[in-house]
Amino acid sequence: LPLVLSDIAQGMTRHAARMVPQGMAVDADAQNLPFRAQTFG
C-alpha cells in the first residue's frame, strides 16, 4: 500500500523520512491537511 507520512513538526518529518524511506514524508497540520478530497483508503 502506498504510504504518506505527515507531521506538523518539521524535525519529526525529516526524521521519519530517514527512518521510512518507503513512504513519502510531508509537513502537515491535522486541522488543515494539504491533500485532495477522497485521496486515501
Full PDB file with SEQRES, HELIX, SHEET, SSBOND, CRYST1, ORIGX, SCALE, CONECT and MASTER records, all heavy atoms in Angstrom:
SEQRES   1 A   41  LEU PRO LEU VAL LEU SER ASP ILE ALA GLN GLY MET THR          
SEQRES   2 A   41  ARG HIS ALA ALA ARG MET VAL PRO GLN GLY MET ALA VAL          
SEQRES   3 A   41  ASP ALA ASP ALA GLN ASN LEU PRO PHE ARG ALA GLN THR          
SEQRES   4 A   41  PHE GLY                                                      
HELIX    1 AA1 GLN A   10  MET A   19  1                                  10    
SHEET    1 AA1 2 VAL A   4  ASP A   7  0                                        
SHEET    2 AA1 2 MET A  24  ASP A  27  1                                        
CRYST1    1.000    1.000    1.000  90.00  90.00  90.00 P 1           1          
ORIGX1      1.000000  0.000000  0.000000        0.00000                         
ORIGX2      0.000000  1.000000  0.000000        0.00000                         
ORIGX3      0.000000  0.000000  1.000000        0.00000                         
SCALE1      1.000000  0.000000  0.000000        0.00000                         
SCALE2      0.000000  1.000000  0.000000        0.00000                         
SCALE3      0.000000  0.000000  1.000000        0.00000                         
ATOM      1  N   LEU A   1       0.833  -1.202   0.000  1.00  0.00           N  
ATOM      2  CA  LEU A   1       0.000   0.000   0.000  1.00  0.00           C  
ATOM      3  C   LEU A   1       0.870   1.255   0.000  1.00  0.00           C  
ATOM      4  O   LEU A   1       1.777   1.378   0.814  1.00  0.00           O  
ATOM      5  CB  LEU A   1      -0.902   0.025   1.245  1.00  0.00           C  
ATOM      6  CG  LEU A   1      -1.861  -1.158   1.414  1.00  0.00           C  
ATOM      7  CD1 LEU A   1      -2.651  -1.008   2.719  1.00  0.00           C  
ATOM      8  CD2 LEU A   1      -2.816  -1.254   0.230  1.00  0.00           C  
ATOM      9  N   PRO A   2       0.620   2.203  -0.907  1.00  0.00           N  
ATOM     10  CA  PRO A   2       1.364   3.465  -0.892  1.00  0.00           C  
ATOM     11  C   PRO A   2       1.192   4.152   0.464  1.00  0.00           C  
ATOM     12  O   PRO A   2       0.100   4.149   1.047  1.00  0.00           O  
ATOM     13  CB  PRO A   2       0.713   4.289  -2.008  1.00  0.00           C  
ATOM     14  CG  PRO A   2       0.068   3.269  -2.895  1.00  0.00           C  
ATOM     15  CD  PRO A   2      -0.376   2.157  -1.996  1.00  0.00           C  
ATOM     16  N   LEU A   3       2.276   4.750   0.982  1.00  0.00           N  
ATOM     17  CA  LEU A   3       2.272   5.307   2.334  1.00  0.00           C  
ATOM     18  C   LEU A   3       2.742   6.754   2.323  1.00  0.00           C  
ATOM     19  O   LEU A   3       3.785   7.078   1.748  1.00  0.00           O  
ATOM     20  CB  LEU A   3       3.187   4.470   3.234  1.00  0.00           C  
ATOM     21  CG  LEU A   3       3.435   4.966   4.658  1.00  0.00           C  
ATOM     22  CD1 LEU A   3       2.136   5.000   5.453  1.00  0.00           C  
ATOM     23  CD2 LEU A   3       4.473   4.073   5.350  1.00  0.00           C  
ATOM     24  N   VAL A   4       1.960   7.620   2.973  1.00  0.00           N  
ATOM     25  CA  VAL A   4       2.330   9.023   3.156  1.00  0.00           C  
ATOM     26  C   VAL A   4       2.422   9.290   4.655  1.00  0.00           C  
ATOM     27  O   VAL A   4       1.494   8.979   5.409  1.00  0.00           O  
ATOM     28  CB  VAL A   4       1.299   9.976   2.510  1.00  0.00           C  
ATOM     29  CG1 VAL A   4       1.688  11.439   2.774  1.00  0.00           C  
ATOM     30  CG2 VAL A   4       1.188   9.718   1.011  1.00  0.00           C  
ATOM     31  N   LEU A   5       3.536   9.873   5.100  1.00  0.00           N  
ATOM     32  CA  LEU A   5       3.753  10.225   6.498  1.00  0.00           C  
ATOM     33  C   LEU A   5       3.683  11.743   6.636  1.00  0.00           C  
ATOM     34  O   LEU A   5       4.236  12.471   5.815  1.00  0.00           O  
ATOM     35  CB  LEU A   5       5.129   9.747   6.966  1.00  0.00           C  
ATOM     36  CG  LEU A   5       5.500   8.287   6.659  1.00  0.00           C  
ATOM     37  CD1 LEU A   5       6.946   8.031   7.038  1.00  0.00           C  
ATOM     38  CD2 LEU A   5       4.569   7.347   7.407  1.00  0.00           C  
ATOM     39  N   SER A   6       3.011  12.219   7.682  1.00  0.00           N  
ATOM     40  CA  SER A   6       2.907  13.666   7.854  1.00  0.00           C  
ATOM     41  C   SER A   6       3.038  14.042   9.327  1.00  0.00           C  
ATOM     42  O   SER A   6       2.662  13.276  10.220  1.00  0.00           O  
ATOM     43  CB  SER A   6       1.577  14.191   7.302  1.00  0.00           C  
ATOM     44  OG  SER A   6       0.481  13.740   8.089  1.00  0.00           O  
ATOM     45  N   ASP A   7       3.585  15.222   9.563  1.00  0.00           N  
ATOM     46  CA  ASP A   7       3.707  15.738  10.920  1.00  0.00           C  
ATOM     47  C   ASP A   7       3.805  17.252  10.865  1.00  0.00           C  
ATOM     48  O   ASP A   7       4.337  17.817   9.905  1.00  0.00           O  
ATOM     49  CB  ASP A   7       4.944  15.164  11.612  1.00  0.00           C  
ATOM     50  CG  ASP A   7       4.845  15.249  13.128  1.00  0.00           C  
ATOM     51  OD1 ASP A   7       4.996  16.350  13.697  1.00  0.00           O  
ATOM     52  OD2 ASP A   7       4.587  14.209  13.764  1.00  0.00           O  
ATOM     53  N   ILE A   8       3.298  17.906  11.914  1.00  0.00           N  
ATOM     54  CA  ILE A   8       3.336  19.362  11.962  1.00  0.00           C  
ATOM     55  C   ILE A   8       4.737  19.871  12.290  1.00  0.00           C  
ATOM     56  O   ILE A   8       5.091  21.005  11.975  1.00  0.00           O  
ATOM     57  CB  ILE A   8       2.315  19.897  13.002  1.00  0.00           C  
ATOM     58  CG1 ILE A   8       2.095  21.395  12.816  1.00  0.00           C  
ATOM     59  CG2 ILE A   8       2.776  19.574  14.426  1.00  0.00           C  
ATOM     60  CD1 ILE A   8       0.986  21.953  13.688  1.00  0.00           C  
ATOM     61  N   ALA A   9       5.553  19.023  12.948  1.00  0.00           N  
ATOM     62  CA  ALA A   9       6.910  19.396  13.348  1.00  0.00           C  
ATOM     63  C   ALA A   9       7.899  18.950  12.282  1.00  0.00           C  
ATOM     64  O   ALA A   9       8.069  17.759  12.045  1.00  0.00           O  
ATOM     65  CB  ALA A   9       7.261  18.776  14.697  1.00  0.00           C  
ATOM     66  N   GLN A  10       8.573  19.888  11.656  1.00  0.00           N  
ATOM     67  CA  GLN A  10       9.457  19.547  10.546  1.00  0.00           C  
ATOM     68  C   GLN A  10      10.605  18.642  10.981  1.00  0.00           C  
ATOM     69  O   GLN A  10      11.038  17.764  10.229  1.00  0.00           O  
ATOM     70  CB  GLN A  10      10.021  20.812   9.907  1.00  0.00           C  
ATOM     71  CG  GLN A  10      10.743  20.555   8.607  1.00  0.00           C  
ATOM     72  CD  GLN A  10      11.163  21.822   7.912  1.00  0.00           C  
ATOM     73  OE1 GLN A  10      12.090  22.497   8.356  1.00  0.00           O  
ATOM     74  NE2 GLN A  10      10.476  22.162   6.838  1.00  0.00           N  
ATOM     75  N   GLY A  11      11.093  18.816  12.209  1.00  0.00           N  
ATOM     76  CA  GLY A  11      12.148  17.940  12.697  1.00  0.00           C  
ATOM     77  C   GLY A  11      11.699  16.490  12.728  1.00  0.00           C  
ATOM     78  O   GLY A  11      12.472  15.575  12.399  1.00  0.00           O  
ATOM     79  N   MET A  12      10.449  16.266  13.114  1.00  0.00           N  
ATOM     80  CA  MET A  12       9.900  14.911  13.123  1.00  0.00           C  
ATOM     81  C   MET A  12       9.719  14.389  11.695  1.00  0.00           C  
ATOM     82  O   MET A  12      10.021  13.225  11.408  1.00  0.00           O  
ATOM     83  CB  MET A  12       8.568  14.890  13.866  1.00  0.00           C  
ATOM     84  CG  MET A  12       8.675  15.091  15.371  1.00  0.00           C  
ATOM     85  SD  MET A  12       9.492  13.675  16.168  1.00  0.00           S  
ATOM     86  CE  MET A  12       9.167  14.043  17.899  1.00  0.00           C  
ATOM     87  N   THR A  13       9.220  15.227  10.805  1.00  0.00           N  
ATOM     88  CA  THR A  13       9.007  14.807   9.423  1.00  0.00           C  
ATOM     89  C   THR A  13      10.315  14.359   8.781  1.00  0.00           C  
ATOM     90  O   THR A  13      10.379  13.331   8.097  1.00  0.00           O  
ATOM     91  CB  THR A  13       8.400  15.950   8.591  1.00  0.00           C  
ATOM     92  OG1 THR A  13       7.227  16.453   9.248  1.00  0.00           O  
ATOM     93  CG2 THR A  13       8.015  15.478   7.202  1.00  0.00           C  
ATOM     94  N   ARG A  14      11.362  15.121   9.018  1.00  0.00           N  
ATOM     95  CA  ARG A  14      12.670  14.771   8.442  1.00  0.00           C  
ATOM     96  C   ARG A  14      13.187  13.461   9.027  1.00  0.00           C  
ATOM     97  O   ARG A  14      13.757  12.631   8.311  1.00  0.00           O  
ATOM     98  CB  ARG A  14      13.659  15.900   8.714  1.00  0.00           C  
ATOM     99  CG  ARG A  14      13.395  17.166   7.912  1.00  0.00           C  
ATOM    100  CD  ARG A  14      14.377  18.258   8.273  1.00  0.00           C  
ATOM    101  NE  ARG A  14      14.213  19.444   7.438  1.00  0.00           N  
ATOM    102  CZ  ARG A  14      14.908  20.563   7.593  1.00  0.00           C  
ATOM    103  NH1 ARG A  14      15.807  20.642   8.570  1.00  0.00           N  
ATOM    104  NH2 ARG A  14      14.708  21.594   6.800  1.00  0.00           N  
ATOM    105  N   HIS A  15      13.003  13.277  10.331  1.00  0.00           N  
ATOM    106  CA  HIS A  15      13.449  12.048  10.977  1.00  0.00           C  
ATOM    107  C   HIS A  15      12.685  10.852  10.410  1.00  0.00           C  
ATOM    108  O   HIS A  15      13.274   9.805  10.102  1.00  0.00           O  
ATOM    109  CB  HIS A  15      13.236  12.154  12.486  1.00  0.00           C  
ATOM    110  CG  HIS A  15      13.956  11.108  13.283  1.00  0.00           C  
ATOM    111  ND1 HIS A  15      13.570   9.787  13.299  1.00  0.00           N  
ATOM    112  CD2 HIS A  15      15.031  11.187  14.100  1.00  0.00           C  
ATOM    113  CE1 HIS A  15      14.369   9.105  14.077  1.00  0.00           C  
ATOM    114  NE2 HIS A  15      15.271   9.926  14.579  1.00  0.00           N  
ATOM    115  N   ALA A  16      11.374  10.995  10.270  1.00  0.00           N  
ATOM    116  CA  ALA A  16      10.547   9.907   9.736  1.00  0.00           C  
ATOM    117  C   ALA A  16      10.933   9.578   8.300  1.00  0.00           C  
ATOM    118  O   ALA A  16      10.929   8.410   7.896  1.00  0.00           O  
ATOM    119  CB  ALA A  16       9.074  10.285   9.811  1.00  0.00           C  
ATOM    120  N   ALA A  17      11.281  10.588   7.515  1.00  0.00           N  
ATOM    121  CA  ALA A  17      11.676  10.356   6.122  1.00  0.00           C  
ATOM    122  C   ALA A  17      12.923   9.478   6.051  1.00  0.00           C  
ATOM    123  O   ALA A  17      13.047   8.640   5.146  1.00  0.00           O  
ATOM    124  CB  ALA A  17      11.926  11.688   5.419  1.00  0.00           C  
ATOM    125  N   ARG A  18      13.836   9.670   6.998  1.00  0.00           N  
ATOM    126  CA  ARG A  18      15.050   8.836   7.023  1.00  0.00           C  
ATOM    127  C   ARG A  18      14.743   7.422   7.501  1.00  0.00           C  
ATOM    128  O   ARG A  18      15.333   6.448   7.013  1.00  0.00           O  
ATOM    129  CB  ARG A  18      16.097   9.474   7.940  1.00  0.00           C  
ATOM    130  CG  ARG A  18      16.661  10.792   7.434  1.00  0.00           C  
ATOM    131  CD  ARG A  18      17.879  11.207   8.228  1.00  0.00           C  
ATOM    132  NE  ARG A  18      17.573  11.473   9.620  1.00  0.00           N  
ATOM    133  CZ  ARG A  18      17.208  12.654  10.107  1.00  0.00           C  
ATOM    134  NH1 ARG A  18      17.105  13.701   9.290  1.00  0.00           N  
ATOM    135  NH2 ARG A  18      16.946  12.819  11.391  1.00  0.00           N  
ATOM    136  N   MET A  19      13.825   7.302   8.459  1.00  0.00           N  
ATOM    137  CA  MET A  19      13.513   6.005   9.041  1.00  0.00           C  
ATOM    138  C   MET A  19      12.615   5.152   8.148  1.00  0.00           C  
ATOM    139  O   MET A  19      12.650   3.924   8.205  1.00  0.00           O  
ATOM    140  CB  MET A  19      12.844   6.192  10.404  1.00  0.00           C  
ATOM    141  CG  MET A  19      13.713   6.899  11.442  1.00  0.00           C  
ATOM    142  SD  MET A  19      15.277   6.027  11.769  1.00  0.00           S  
ATOM    143  CE  MET A  19      14.651   4.542  12.536  1.00  0.00           C  
ATOM    144  N   VAL A  20      11.770   5.813   7.336  1.00  0.00           N  
ATOM    145  CA  VAL A  20      10.813   5.088   6.487  1.00  0.00           C  
ATOM    146  C   VAL A  20      10.972   5.567   5.049  1.00  0.00           C  
ATOM    147  O   VAL A  20      10.129   6.300   4.517  1.00  0.00           O  
ATOM    148  CB  VAL A  20       9.362   5.304   6.976  1.00  0.00           C  
ATOM    149  CG1 VAL A  20       8.420   4.289   6.320  1.00  0.00           C  
ATOM    150  CG2 VAL A  20       9.241   5.224   8.480  1.00  0.00           C  
ATOM    151  N   PRO A  21      12.045   5.157   4.379  1.00  0.00           N  
ATOM    152  CA  PRO A  21      12.281   5.623   3.009  1.00  0.00           C  
ATOM    153  C   PRO A  21      11.229   5.136   2.023  1.00  0.00           C  
ATOM    154  O   PRO A  21      11.093   5.695   0.930  1.00  0.00           O  
ATOM    155  CB  PRO A  21      13.673   5.054   2.679  1.00  0.00           C  
ATOM    156  CG  PRO A  21      13.826   3.873   3.597  1.00  0.00           C  
ATOM    157  CD  PRO A  21      13.112   4.259   4.857  1.00  0.00           C  
ATOM    158  N   GLN A  22      10.454   4.092   2.406  1.00  0.00           N  
ATOM    159  CA  GLN A  22       9.411   3.586   1.502  1.00  0.00           C  
ATOM    160  C   GLN A  22       8.242   4.562   1.375  1.00  0.00           C  
ATOM    161  O   GLN A  22       7.466   4.494   0.421  1.00  0.00           O  
ATOM    162  CB  GLN A  22       8.862   2.248   2.015  1.00  0.00           C  
ATOM    163  CG  GLN A  22       9.925   1.200   2.282  1.00  0.00           C  
ATOM    164  CD  GLN A  22      10.362   1.181   3.744  1.00  0.00           C  
ATOM    165  OE1 GLN A  22      10.608   2.222   4.343  1.00  0.00           O  
ATOM    166  NE2 GLN A  22      10.433  -0.022   4.307  1.00  0.00           N  
ATOM    167  N   GLY A  23       8.093   5.445   2.368  1.00  0.00           N  
ATOM    168  CA  GLY A  23       6.972   6.374   2.357  1.00  0.00           C  
ATOM    169  C   GLY A  23       7.377   7.756   1.890  1.00  0.00           C  
ATOM    170  O   GLY A  23       8.567   8.071   1.766  1.00  0.00           O  
ATOM    171  N   MET A  24       6.381   8.580   1.618  1.00  0.00           N  
ATOM    172  CA  MET A  24       6.613   9.984   1.283  1.00  0.00           C  
ATOM    173  C   MET A  24       6.280  10.815   2.519  1.00  0.00           C  
ATOM    174  O   MET A  24       5.166  10.710   3.063  1.00  0.00           O  
ATOM    175  CB  MET A  24       5.726  10.420   0.110  1.00  0.00           C  
ATOM    176  CG  MET A  24       5.940  11.880  -0.283  1.00  0.00           C  
ATOM    177  SD  MET A  24       4.933  12.386  -1.699  1.00  0.00           S  
ATOM    178  CE  MET A  24       3.286  12.359  -0.978  1.00  0.00           C  
ATOM    179  N   ALA A  25       7.217  11.626   2.994  1.00  0.00           N  
ATOM    180  CA  ALA A  25       7.022  12.409   4.213  1.00  0.00           C  
ATOM    181  C   ALA A  25       6.783  13.878   3.869  1.00  0.00           C  
ATOM    182  O   ALA A  25       7.521  14.466   3.073  1.00  0.00           O  
ATOM    183  CB  ALA A  25       8.237  12.270   5.124  1.00  0.00           C  
ATOM    184  N   VAL A  26       5.741  14.467   4.485  1.00  0.00           N  
ATOM    185  CA  VAL A  26       5.404  15.874   4.238  1.00  0.00           C  
ATOM    186  C   VAL A  26       5.036  16.553   5.552  1.00  0.00           C  
ATOM    187  O   VAL A  26       4.580  15.910   6.491  1.00  0.00           O  
ATOM    188  CB  VAL A  26       4.221  16.004   3.255  1.00  0.00           C  
ATOM    189  CG1 VAL A  26       4.551  15.389   1.916  1.00  0.00           C  
ATOM    190  CG2 VAL A  26       2.958  15.374   3.840  1.00  0.00           C  
ATOM    191  N   ASP A  27       5.269  17.856   5.613  1.00  0.00           N  
ATOM    192  CA  ASP A  27       4.814  18.642   6.749  1.00  0.00           C  
ATOM    193  C   ASP A  27       3.320  18.907   6.591  1.00  0.00           C  
ATOM    194  O   ASP A  27       2.878  19.291   5.502  1.00  0.00           O  
ATOM    195  CB  ASP A  27       5.555  19.982   6.818  1.00  0.00           C  
ATOM    196  CG  ASP A  27       7.048  19.817   7.068  1.00  0.00           C  
ATOM    197  OD1 ASP A  27       7.442  18.781   7.632  1.00  0.00           O  
ATOM    198  OD2 ASP A  27       7.815  20.725   6.707  1.00  0.00           O  
ATOM    199  N   ALA A  28       2.548  18.700   7.656  1.00  0.00           N  
ATOM    200  CA  ALA A  28       1.099  18.904   7.550  1.00  0.00           C  
ATOM    201  C   ALA A  28       0.475  19.127   8.914  1.00  0.00           C  
ATOM    202  O   ALA A  28       0.891  18.523   9.910  1.00  0.00           O  
ATOM    203  CB  ALA A  28       0.442  17.707   6.875  1.00  0.00           C  
ATOM    204  N   ASP A  29      -0.519  19.997   8.963  1.00  0.00           N  
ATOM    205  CA  ASP A  29      -1.310  20.268  10.157  1.00  0.00           C  
ATOM    206  C   ASP A  29      -2.578  19.413  10.084  1.00  0.00           C  
ATOM    207  O   ASP A  29      -3.300  19.451   9.083  1.00  0.00           O  
ATOM    208  CB  ASP A  29      -1.667  21.755  10.196  1.00  0.00           C  
ATOM    209  CG  ASP A  29      -2.431  22.154  11.451  1.00  0.00           C  
ATOM    210  OD1 ASP A  29      -2.967  21.273  12.152  1.00  0.00           O  
ATOM    211  OD2 ASP A  29      -2.502  23.369  11.729  1.00  0.00           O  
ATOM    212  N   ALA A  30      -2.862  18.660  11.136  1.00  0.00           N  
ATOM    213  CA  ALA A  30      -4.030  17.777  11.146  1.00  0.00           C  
ATOM    214  C   ALA A  30      -5.333  18.533  10.953  1.00  0.00           C  
ATOM    215  O   ALA A  30      -6.326  17.968  10.489  1.00  0.00           O  
ATOM    216  CB  ALA A  30      -4.080  16.996  12.461  1.00  0.00           C  
ATOM    217  N   GLN A  31      -5.358  19.814  11.307  1.00  0.00           N  
ATOM    218  CA  GLN A  31      -6.577  20.611  11.176  1.00  0.00           C  
ATOM    219  C   GLN A  31      -6.713  21.255   9.796  1.00  0.00           C  
ATOM    220  O   GLN A  31      -7.726  21.900   9.511  1.00  0.00           O  
ATOM    221  CB  GLN A  31      -6.591  21.702  12.261  1.00  0.00           C  
ATOM    222  CG  GLN A  31      -6.599  21.136  13.665  1.00  0.00           C  
ATOM    223  CD  GLN A  31      -6.385  22.201  14.720  1.00  0.00           C  
ATOM    224  OE1 GLN A  31      -7.300  22.538  15.479  1.00  0.00           O  
ATOM    225  NE2 GLN A  31      -5.177  22.746  14.787  1.00  0.00           N  
ATOM    226  N   ASN A  32      -5.695  21.075   8.950  1.00  0.00           N  
ATOM    227  CA  ASN A  32      -5.732  21.654   7.602  1.00  0.00           C  
ATOM    228  C   ASN A  32      -4.830  20.824   6.691  1.00  0.00           C  
ATOM    229  O   ASN A  32      -3.775  21.278   6.250  1.00  0.00           O  
ATOM    230  CB  ASN A  32      -5.272  23.109   7.643  1.00  0.00           C  
ATOM    231  CG  ASN A  32      -5.480  23.826   6.321  1.00  0.00           C  
ATOM    232  OD1 ASN A  32      -6.339  23.441   5.524  1.00  0.00           O  
ATOM    233  ND2 ASN A  32      -4.700  24.852   6.075  1.00  0.00           N  
ATOM    234  N   LEU A  33      -5.246  19.606   6.395  1.00  0.00           N  
ATOM    235  CA  LEU A  33      -4.412  18.670   5.647  1.00  0.00           C  
ATOM    236  C   LEU A  33      -4.241  19.121   4.190  1.00  0.00           C  
ATOM    237  O   LEU A  33      -5.224  19.465   3.528  1.00  0.00           O  
ATOM    238  CB  LEU A  33      -5.032  17.273   5.683  1.00  0.00           C  
ATOM    239  CG  LEU A  33      -5.073  16.603   7.059  1.00  0.00           C  
ATOM    240  CD1 LEU A  33      -5.875  15.309   6.997  1.00  0.00           C  
ATOM    241  CD2 LEU A  33      -3.661  16.334   7.589  1.00  0.00           C  
ATOM    242  N   PRO A  34      -3.011  19.094   3.672  1.00  0.00           N  
ATOM    243  CA  PRO A  34      -2.742  19.584   2.304  1.00  0.00           C  
ATOM    244  C   PRO A  34      -2.923  18.506   1.240  1.00  0.00           C  
ATOM    245  O   PRO A  34      -2.055  18.298   0.375  1.00  0.00           O  
ATOM    246  CB  PRO A  34      -1.267  20.009   2.409  1.00  0.00           C  
ATOM    247  CG  PRO A  34      -0.678  19.017   3.361  1.00  0.00           C  
ATOM    248  CD  PRO A  34      -1.771  18.743   4.386  1.00  0.00           C  
ATOM    249  N   PHE A  35      -4.062  17.816   1.287  1.00  0.00           N  
ATOM    250  CA  PHE A  35      -4.318  16.729   0.341  1.00  0.00           C  
ATOM    251  C   PHE A  35      -5.697  16.908  -0.282  1.00  0.00           C  
ATOM    252  O   PHE A  35      -6.605  17.482   0.329  1.00  0.00           O  
ATOM    253  CB  PHE A  35      -4.242  15.366   1.035  1.00  0.00           C  
ATOM    254  CG  PHE A  35      -2.964  15.130   1.784  1.00  0.00           C  
ATOM    255  CD1 PHE A  35      -2.946  15.132   3.175  1.00  0.00           C  
ATOM    256  CD2 PHE A  35      -1.774  14.926   1.099  1.00  0.00           C  
ATOM    257  CE1 PHE A  35      -1.768  14.921   3.872  1.00  0.00           C  
ATOM    258  CE2 PHE A  35      -0.586  14.715   1.790  1.00  0.00           C  
ATOM    259  CZ  PHE A  35      -0.581  14.720   3.185  1.00  0.00           C  
ATOM    260  N   ARG A  36      -5.851  16.374  -1.484  1.00  0.00           N  
ATOM    261  CA  ARG A  36      -7.136  16.459  -2.173  1.00  0.00           C  
ATOM    262  C   ARG A  36      -8.162  15.558  -1.487  1.00  0.00           C  
ATOM    263  O   ARG A  36      -7.827  14.585  -0.821  1.00  0.00           O  
ATOM    264  CB  ARG A  36      -6.982  16.035  -3.633  1.00  0.00           C  
ATOM    265  CG  ARG A  36      -6.156  16.991  -4.473  1.00  0.00           C  
ATOM    266  CD  ARG A  36      -6.065  16.506  -5.909  1.00  0.00           C  
ATOM    267  NE  ARG A  36      -5.312  17.426  -6.754  1.00  0.00           N  
ATOM    268  CZ  ARG A  36      -5.043  17.218  -8.030  1.00  0.00           C  
ATOM    269  NH1 ARG A  36      -5.470  16.099  -8.615  1.00  0.00           N  
ATOM    270  NH2 ARG A  36      -4.354  18.106  -8.728  1.00  0.00           N  
ATOM    271  N   ALA A  37      -9.422  15.875  -1.698  1.00  0.00           N  
ATOM    272  CA  ALA A  37     -10.514  15.089  -1.125  1.00  0.00           C  
ATOM    273  C   ALA A  37     -10.504  13.664  -1.684  1.00  0.00           C  
ATOM    274  O   ALA A  37     -10.140  13.432  -2.847  1.00  0.00           O  
ATOM    275  CB  ALA A  37     -11.855  15.753  -1.420  1.00  0.00           C  
ATOM    276  N   GLN A  38     -10.877  12.727  -0.835  1.00  0.00           N  
ATOM    277  CA  GLN A  38     -11.044  11.315  -1.199  1.00  0.00           C  
ATOM    278  C   GLN A  38      -9.766  10.715  -1.798  1.00  0.00           C  
ATOM    279  O   GLN A  38      -9.808   9.954  -2.760  1.00  0.00           O  
ATOM    280  CB  GLN A  38     -12.221  11.155  -2.168  1.00  0.00           C  
ATOM    281  CG  GLN A  38     -13.533  11.629  -1.575  1.00  0.00           C  
ATOM    282  CD  GLN A  38     -14.727  11.357  -2.479  1.00  0.00           C  
ATOM    283  OE1 GLN A  38     -14.613  10.719  -3.515  1.00  0.00           O  
ATOM    284  NE2 GLN A  38     -15.899  11.830  -2.060  1.00  0.00           N  
ATOM    285  N   THR A  39      -8.641  11.025  -1.191  1.00  0.00           N  
ATOM    286  CA  THR A  39      -7.352  10.527  -1.683  1.00  0.00           C  
ATOM    287  C   THR A  39      -6.957   9.199  -1.062  1.00  0.00           C  
ATOM    288  O   THR A  39      -6.370   8.346  -1.738  1.00  0.00           O  
ATOM    289  CB  THR A  39      -6.239  11.558  -1.398  1.00  0.00           C  
ATOM    290  OG1 THR A  39      -6.526  12.766  -2.096  1.00  0.00           O  
ATOM    291  CG2 THR A  39      -4.872  11.035  -1.826  1.00  0.00           C  
ATOM    292  N   PHE A  40      -7.299   8.973   0.222  1.00  0.00           N  
ATOM    293  CA  PHE A  40      -6.746   7.844   0.963  1.00  0.00           C  
ATOM    294  C   PHE A  40      -7.814   6.814   1.337  1.00  0.00           C  
ATOM    295  O   PHE A  40      -8.968   7.153   1.577  1.00  0.00           O  
ATOM    296  CB  PHE A  40      -6.055   8.332   2.236  1.00  0.00           C  
ATOM    297  CG  PHE A  40      -4.926   9.296   1.968  1.00  0.00           C  
ATOM    298  CD1 PHE A  40      -5.133  10.669   2.038  1.00  0.00           C  
ATOM    299  CD2 PHE A  40      -3.672   8.825   1.624  1.00  0.00           C  
ATOM    300  CE1 PHE A  40      -4.105  11.559   1.769  1.00  0.00           C  
ATOM    301  CE2 PHE A  40      -2.632   9.710   1.355  1.00  0.00           C  
ATOM    302  CZ  PHE A  40      -2.848  11.081   1.423  1.00  0.00           C  
ATOM    303  N   GLY A  41      -7.382   5.565   1.398  1.00  0.00           N  
ATOM    304  CA  GLY A  41      -8.279   4.494   1.828  1.00  0.00           C  
ATOM    305  C   GLY A  41      -8.186   4.227   3.318  1.00  0.00           C  
ATOM    306  O   GLY A  41      -9.104   3.663   3.917  1.00  0.00           O  
TER     307      GLY A  41                                                      
MASTER        0    0    0    1    2    0    0    6  306    1    0    4          
END                                                                             
